[in-house]
Amino acid sequence: MSPKTIQKNVRLISRIFDEQESFLGEHADRDNISIYNELVSEEVQLYGPASGQVVTGIAALKQLDRGFQQSYPGSKFEVEEIFGHGDEVIVRWTCKGIYKEGYKGISPKKKEFCIWGMTTYRIIKGKIQEIRQFWDRLGILEQIGEVQVRTDPVKPGYYSDLLKGLGMEKYLEKASLLSHRERECLELLLQGKTAKETAAILALSHRTVESYFENIKKKLKCSNKGQLFSTAEILKKLELL
């Protein structure tokens, strides 16, 4: 993939966030999918954060986006980082909005939320073929009051059952693969320490620490440090580190 093509792909994805009103805006035309036809393949596949969640085709994607806007009106996505790699563009983002619930004739309740996440787009011949979403699903459910993360002692298996119910059991499996030393490396990564600083703190060589991080990326199935940091944040929030 040439650098020119990679930059073109990055600009394409940047446009989605720059023109998000066309996708998620309150006044977006429900029947107008011209921007989808322009940027997205007819056979696009979206893989959601829940295990086994797959959406196929433009129509299904538009319906999903429309449902998001109805439940979370006025939501705004801010790009924290965007970069291209091969035929993929990776975006780290934050989203702020309001969750609206209620039934006809009943005053709806509104709850503010702020979450972060990561989306990977695979682009072929100028159109998005595949979307993989990775976001703080537990965080938004906790903020809108759908689930409650307890602070008092809980019975063994409480969080395991909770994560399985949310389709997030994969994080339990990933965390179980990490050694004590690898967990220490991730803790320091979340504190903003570089590999050299981590090596000094743990009294290890820089090469050894880099080797740990390579093993961690393989175990957690992360292709780069950005994905690794996001995964580590989730594991930390779930008290799995």
Protein backbone atom coordinates (compact mmCIF):
# COMPACT_ATOMS: atom_id res chain seq x y z
CA MET A 1 0.00 0.00 0.00
CA SER A 2 1.57 3.32 -1.08
CA PRO A 3 1.84 6.24 1.38
CA LYS A 4 -0.37 8.28 -0.97
CA THR A 5 -3.16 5.69 -0.82
CA ILE A 6 -2.87 5.42 2.96
CA GLN A 7 -3.25 9.19 3.31
CA LYS A 8 -6.24 9.12 0.97
CA ASN A 9 -7.86 6.47 3.16
CA VAL A 10 -7.20 8.52 6.28
CA ARG A 11 -8.88 11.54 4.67
CA LEU A 12 -11.88 9.37 3.77
CA ILE A 13 -12.37 8.26 7.36
CA SER A 14 -11.72 11.77 8.68
CA ARG A 15 -14.61 12.92 6.52
CA ILE A 16 -16.97 10.54 8.35
CA PHE A 17 -16.16 12.22 11.65
CA ASP A 18 -16.13 15.72 10.13
CA GLU A 19 -19.56 15.13 8.57
CA GLN A 20 -21.04 12.93 11.30
CA GLU A 21 -24.26 15.00 11.18
CA SER A 22 -24.95 13.28 7.84
CA PHE A 23 -24.80 9.93 9.62
CA LEU A 24 -26.01 10.65 13.16
CA GLY A 25 -27.38 14.19 13.13
CA GLU A 26 -30.83 14.90 14.48
CA HIS A 27 -31.91 16.26 11.09
CA ALA A 28 -30.29 13.57 8.92
CA ASP A 29 -32.60 12.41 6.13
CA ARG A 30 -33.58 8.86 6.99
CA ASP A 31 -34.11 7.97 3.34
CA ASN A 32 -30.99 9.62 1.98
CA ILE A 33 -28.08 7.19 1.92
CA SER A 34 -26.02 8.96 -0.76
CA ILE A 35 -23.11 9.54 1.61
CA TYR A 36 -23.21 5.86 2.54
CA ASN A 37 -23.17 4.85 -1.13
CA GLU A 38 -20.25 7.18 -1.71
CA LEU A 39 -18.06 5.95 1.13
CA VAL A 40 -19.24 2.46 2.05
CA SER A 41 -19.32 -0.83 0.13
CA GLU A 42 -22.71 -2.45 -0.44
CA GLU A 43 -21.39 -5.60 1.27
CA VAL A 44 -19.80 -3.81 4.23
CA GLN A 45 -19.48 -5.84 7.41
CA LEU A 46 -19.48 -4.30 10.87
CA TYR A 47 -18.20 -6.26 13.86
CA GLY A 48 -19.50 -4.85 17.13
CA PRO A 49 -18.00 -4.89 20.61
CA ALA A 50 -20.18 -7.79 21.76
CA SER A 51 -19.05 -11.33 20.98
CA GLY A 52 -20.56 -12.55 17.73
CA GLN A 53 -22.17 -9.21 16.79
CA VAL A 54 -22.00 -8.81 13.00
CA VAL A 55 -23.98 -6.40 10.79
CA THR A 56 -23.87 -6.83 7.01
CA GLY A 57 -24.80 -4.34 4.27
CA ILE A 58 -25.43 -0.60 3.96
CA ALA A 59 -29.13 -0.85 4.85
CA ALA A 60 -28.39 -2.69 8.10
CA LEU A 61 -25.59 -0.24 8.92
CA LYS A 62 -27.85 2.77 8.39
CA GLN A 63 -30.55 1.20 10.54
CA LEU A 64 -28.02 0.61 13.31
CA ASP A 65 -26.78 4.22 13.13
CA ARG A 66 -30.37 5.51 13.13
CA GLY A 67 -31.14 3.44 16.23
CA PHE A 68 -28.06 4.87 17.95
CA GLN A 69 -29.20 8.42 17.20
CA GLN A 70 -32.68 7.72 18.54
CA SER A 71 -31.35 6.30 21.80
CA TYR A 72 -28.45 8.77 22.14
CA PRO A 73 -29.64 12.02 20.49
CA GLY A 74 -27.06 14.70 19.80
CA SER A 75 -24.08 12.40 20.40
CA LYS A 76 -20.76 13.86 19.23
CA PHE A 77 -17.61 11.92 18.38
CA GLU A 78 -14.21 13.58 18.81
CA VAL A 79 -11.14 12.06 17.17
CA GLU A 80 -8.26 11.57 19.61
CA GLU A 81 -5.92 9.86 17.15
CA ILE A 82 -6.17 8.64 13.56
CA PHE A 83 -3.58 6.82 11.46
CA GLY A 84 -3.36 4.44 8.53
CA HIS A 85 -1.63 1.08 8.29
CA GLY A 86 -1.83 -0.97 5.09
CA ASP A 87 -5.45 -1.04 3.94
CA GLU A 88 -6.72 -0.10 7.42
CA VAL A 89 -7.38 3.19 9.19
CA ILE A 90 -7.47 3.12 13.00
CA VAL A 91 -9.31 5.81 14.97
CA ARG A 92 -9.27 6.39 18.72
CA TRP A 93 -12.25 8.53 19.72
CA THR A 94 -14.39 9.81 22.55
CA CYS A 95 -18.16 10.21 22.41
CA LYS A 96 -20.31 12.50 24.56
CA GLY A 97 -24.08 12.57 24.50
CA ILE A 98 -27.36 11.93 26.25
CA TYR A 99 -29.18 8.64 26.67
CA LYS A 100 -32.92 9.05 26.23
CA GLU A 101 -35.40 6.52 27.54
CA GLY A 102 -39.16 6.54 27.89
CA TYR A 103 -42.39 5.42 26.31
CA LYS A 104 -45.19 7.21 24.52
CA GLY A 105 -47.08 9.39 26.98
CA ILE A 106 -44.38 9.10 29.62
CA SER A 107 -41.79 11.82 30.20
CA PRO A 108 -38.43 10.46 29.05
CA LYS A 109 -35.41 10.34 31.31
CA LYS A 110 -32.11 11.72 30.05
CA LYS A 111 -28.68 10.75 31.29
CA GLU A 112 -25.40 12.23 30.12
CA PHE A 113 -22.53 9.93 29.25
CA CYS A 114 -18.97 10.05 27.98
CA ILE A 115 -17.18 7.00 26.61
CA TRP A 116 -14.10 6.26 24.56
CA GLY A 117 -13.37 3.63 21.96
CA MET A 118 -11.49 2.54 18.88
CA THR A 119 -12.70 1.72 15.37
CA THR A 120 -10.73 0.01 12.62
CA TYR A 121 -11.84 0.53 9.02
CA ARG A 122 -10.62 -1.67 6.15
CA ILE A 123 -10.75 0.16 2.83
CA ILE A 124 -10.54 -1.42 -0.62
CA LYS A 125 -10.63 0.66 -3.81
CA GLY A 126 -11.80 3.75 -2.00
CA LYS A 127 -14.73 2.18 -0.11
CA ILE A 128 -15.11 0.86 3.41
CA GLN A 129 -15.38 -2.93 3.32
CA GLU A 130 -15.10 -3.77 7.01
CA ILE A 131 -15.60 -1.96 10.32
CA ARG A 132 -14.46 -3.31 13.68
CA GLN A 133 -15.63 -1.46 16.78
CA PHE A 134 -14.01 -1.62 20.19
CA TRP A 135 -15.50 0.59 22.90
CA ASP A 136 -16.28 0.86 26.59
CA ARG A 137 -19.59 -1.00 26.51
CA LEU A 138 -19.62 -1.59 30.25
CA GLY A 139 -18.85 2.08 30.90
CA ILE A 140 -21.85 3.42 29.01
CA LEU A 141 -24.19 0.87 30.58
CA GLU A 142 -22.92 1.88 34.01
CA GLN A 143 -23.34 5.60 33.29
CA ILE A 144 -26.92 5.28 32.06
CA GLY A 145 -27.82 3.03 34.97
CA GLU A 146 -28.39 -0.23 33.11
CA VAL A 147 -25.78 -2.05 35.21
CA GLN A 148 -24.12 -1.28 38.51
CA VAL A 149 -20.48 -2.04 39.23
CA ARG A 150 -20.49 -2.84 42.91
CA THR A 151 -17.90 -1.49 45.36
CA ASP A 152 -18.81 -3.78 48.23
CA PRO A 153 -17.49 -7.36 48.43
CA VAL A 154 -19.21 -9.64 45.95
CA LYS A 155 -19.47 -13.38 45.68
CA PRO A 156 -16.88 -15.21 43.55
CA GLY A 157 -17.79 -15.15 39.89
CA TYR A 158 -19.97 -12.00 40.10
CA TYR A 159 -17.97 -10.04 37.53
CA SER A 160 -17.40 -13.13 35.40
CA ASP A 161 -21.16 -13.63 35.12
CA LEU A 162 -21.68 -9.91 34.48
CA LEU A 163 -19.12 -9.83 31.66
CA LYS A 164 -20.54 -12.98 30.10
CA GLY A 165 -23.98 -11.43 30.17
CA LEU A 166 -22.62 -8.39 28.35
CA GLY A 167 -20.84 -10.50 25.74
CA MET A 168 -17.44 -9.43 27.10
CA GLU A 169 -16.10 -12.74 28.38
CA LYS A 170 -13.21 -12.46 25.95
CA TYR A 171 -11.54 -10.00 28.37
CA LEU A 172 -11.52 -12.64 31.09
CA GLU A 173 -9.83 -15.05 28.71
CA LYS A 174 -7.26 -12.44 27.64
CA ALA A 175 -6.42 -11.41 31.21
CA SER A 176 -5.86 -15.02 32.27
CA LEU A 177 -3.01 -15.32 29.72
CA LEU A 178 -0.91 -12.56 31.29
CA SER A 179 1.97 -13.28 33.66
CA HIS A 180 2.65 -11.22 36.77
CA ARG A 181 5.55 -9.40 35.08
CA GLU A 182 3.44 -8.66 31.99
CA ARG A 183 0.75 -7.16 34.20
CA GLU A 184 3.37 -4.91 35.79
CA CYS A 185 4.43 -3.71 32.34
CA LEU A 186 0.83 -2.89 31.44
CA GLU A 187 0.28 -1.03 34.71
CA LEU A 188 3.29 1.17 33.95
CA LEU A 189 2.14 1.64 30.35
CA LEU A 190 -1.16 3.03 31.68
CA GLN A 191 0.83 5.42 33.87
CA GLY A 192 2.44 6.81 30.72
CA LYS A 193 5.84 5.20 31.21
CA THR A 194 8.00 4.46 28.18
CA ALA A 195 9.64 1.07 27.65
CA LYS A 196 12.96 2.51 28.86
CA GLU A 197 11.37 3.95 32.00
CA THR A 198 9.58 0.66 32.63
CA ALA A 199 12.86 -1.21 32.30
CA ALA A 200 14.51 1.08 34.86
CA ILE A 201 11.62 0.75 37.34
CA LEU A 202 11.51 -3.05 37.07
CA ALA A 203 15.31 -3.39 36.98
CA LEU A 204 15.19 -5.09 33.58
CA SER A 205 16.92 -4.48 30.29
CA HIS A 206 15.16 -2.40 27.65
CA ARG A 207 15.26 -5.37 25.28
CA THR A 208 13.58 -7.60 27.88
CA VAL A 209 10.75 -5.11 28.38
CA GLU A 210 10.23 -4.79 24.62
CA SER A 211 10.07 -8.58 24.47
CA TYR A 212 7.40 -8.56 27.18
CA PHE A 213 5.34 -6.06 25.21
CA GLU A 214 5.61 -8.15 22.05
CA ASN A 215 4.35 -11.18 23.97
CA ILE A 216 1.55 -9.13 25.52
CA LYS A 217 0.42 -7.86 22.11
CA LYS A 218 0.24 -11.43 20.84
CA LYS A 219 -1.72 -12.62 23.87
CA LEU A 220 -4.18 -9.71 23.73
CA LYS A 221 -4.30 -9.77 19.90
CA CYS A 222 -3.25 -6.13 19.55
CA SER A 223 -1.38 -5.02 16.44
CA ASN A 224 0.06 -1.80 17.87
CA LYS A 225 0.66 0.17 21.07
CA GLY A 226 -2.55 2.18 20.62
CA GLN A 227 -4.71 -0.95 20.66
CA LEU A 228 -2.66 -2.34 23.53
CA PHE A 229 -3.21 0.81 25.62
CA SER A 230 -6.98 0.74 24.99
CA THR A 231 -7.21 -2.95 25.88
CA ALA A 232 -5.18 -2.39 29.04
CA GLU A 233 -7.54 0.45 30.05
CA ILE A 234 -10.52 -1.89 29.77
CA LEU A 235 -8.80 -4.64 31.74
CA LYS A 236 -7.91 -2.11 34.42
CA LYS A 237 -11.48 -0.80 34.62
CA LEU A 238 -12.76 -4.37 34.96
CA GLU A 239 -10.20 -5.02 37.71
CA LEU A 240 -8.57 -7.75 35.64
CA LEU A 241 -5.02 -6.38 35.89
